[in-house]
C-alpha cells in the first residue's frame, strides 16, 4: 500500500548519515498482561540505523482507544451549591 507522505524524509536524530522516512509497520505494546498489535501504524524509520520514531498523533489516538475509560460517559463535575439562610450573620447598617 503506497501512501502519499512516503516521499518525505528528515535527517536522523540518532546517526549522522541516515534519513527518517514515514513507513507503516506493526506496532506492539502491552496492555496489562496482554500483547496488543496494531497493523499499519505510522512511524518514522531511519534507512541506515533503523531508529523508529512513532507518529505522535497516532500514538495519542491509540492511547485514547486503549484507555480503560474509553466509551464510558464522563463523570459530571459536582457543583457546589451555596445556600443562603434567612438569618444573615452580617450586621446591617442602620
Protein backbone atom coordinates (compact mmCIF):
# COMPACT_ATOMS: atom_id res chain seq x y z
CA UNK A 1 0.00 0.00 0.00
CA UNK A 2 1.55 3.30 -1.10
CA UNK A 3 0.94 6.41 0.99
CA UNK A 4 1.37 9.99 -0.22
CA UNK A 5 3.78 11.08 2.51
CA UNK A 6 6.38 8.32 1.93
CA UNK A 7 8.40 10.77 -0.18
CA UNK A 8 9.13 12.99 2.86
CA UNK A 9 12.35 12.41 4.79
CA UNK A 10 14.19 14.10 7.63
CA UNK A 11 17.74 13.76 8.98
CA UNK A 12 18.02 11.01 11.59
CA UNK A 13 18.36 12.19 15.18
CA UNK A 14 20.46 9.12 16.07
CA UNK A 15 23.03 8.77 13.27
CA UNK A 16 24.57 11.45 11.03
CA UNK A 17 24.11 9.57 7.74
CA UNK A 18 20.52 8.35 7.81
CA UNK A 19 17.19 9.84 6.91
CA UNK A 20 13.86 9.18 8.60
CA UNK A 21 11.10 8.20 6.19
CA UNK A 22 7.49 7.54 7.06
CA UNK A 23 6.55 3.90 6.86
CA UNK A 24 3.65 1.81 8.10
CA UNK A 25 4.62 -1.02 10.42
CA UNK A 26 3.06 -3.26 13.04
CA UNK A 27 3.14 -1.55 16.46
CA UNK A 28 3.38 -3.73 19.58
CA UNK A 29 2.50 -2.67 23.12
CA UNK A 30 1.45 -4.31 26.37
CA UNK A 31 -1.91 -3.58 27.96
CA UNK A 32 -1.66 -5.20 31.37
CA UNK A 33 -0.80 -8.84 30.66
CA UNK A 34 -1.98 -8.74 27.05
CA UNK A 35 0.15 -8.03 23.99
CA UNK A 36 -1.64 -5.64 21.63
CA UNK A 37 -0.63 -5.42 17.96
CA UNK A 38 -1.67 -2.60 15.66
CA UNK A 39 -1.05 -3.15 11.93
CA UNK A 40 -0.27 -0.29 9.52
CA UNK A 41 0.87 2.04 12.31
CA UNK A 42 2.73 5.17 11.08
CA UNK A 43 6.36 5.53 12.15
CA UNK A 44 9.45 7.42 11.01
CA UNK A 45 12.26 4.91 10.41
CA UNK A 46 15.94 5.62 9.66
CA UNK A 47 17.20 3.99 6.47
CA UNK A 48 20.68 3.50 7.99
CA UNK A 49 20.46 2.74 11.73
CA UNK A 50 16.81 1.62 11.91
CA UNK A 51 15.78 4.12 14.61
CA UNK A 52 12.00 4.31 14.96
CA UNK A 53 10.04 7.37 15.99
CA UNK A 54 6.33 6.72 16.18
CA UNK A 55 3.86 9.26 14.87
CA UNK A 56 2.72 11.31 17.89
CA UNK A 57 -0.81 11.92 16.62
CA UNK A 58 -1.30 8.19 16.02
CA UNK A 59 0.11 7.39 19.49
CA UNK A 60 -2.30 9.87 21.09
CA UNK A 61 -5.26 8.32 19.26
CA UNK A 62 -4.15 4.81 20.25
CA UNK A 63 -3.79 5.89 23.88
CA UNK A 64 -7.36 7.22 23.83
CA UNK A 65 -8.65 3.96 22.34
CA UNK A 66 -6.79 1.77 24.85
CA UNK A 67 -7.85 3.89 27.82
CA UNK A 68 -9.91 1.71 30.21
CA UNK A 69 -12.49 4.51 30.44
CA UNK A 70 -12.96 4.75 26.65
CA UNK A 71 -16.62 4.70 25.71
CA UNK A 72 -17.83 5.35 29.24
CA UNK A 73 -19.67 8.58 29.99
CA UNK A 74 -17.55 11.19 31.71
CA UNK A 75 -18.37 11.91 35.33
CA UNK A 76 -20.13 15.21 35.72
CA UNK A 77 -18.33 17.68 37.90
CA UNK A 78 -20.13 18.21 41.14
CA UNK A 79 -21.30 21.74 41.61
CA UNK A 80 -21.03 23.34 44.99
CA UNK A 81 -24.26 24.98 45.92
CA UNK A 82 -24.20 27.93 48.25
CA UNK A 83 -27.30 28.15 50.33
CA UNK A 84 -28.33 31.41 51.78
CA UNK A 85 -30.08 31.35 55.06
CA UNK A 86 -32.85 33.69 56.09
CA UNK A 87 -30.80 34.84 59.03
CA UNK A 88 -27.65 36.67 57.98
CA UNK A 89 -24.61 36.81 60.21
CA UNK A 90 -23.52 40.15 58.79
CA UNK A 91 -24.53 43.24 60.70
CA UNK A 92 -26.84 45.53 58.77
CA UNK A 93 -26.15 49.23 58.64
CA UNK A 94 -28.79 51.25 60.43
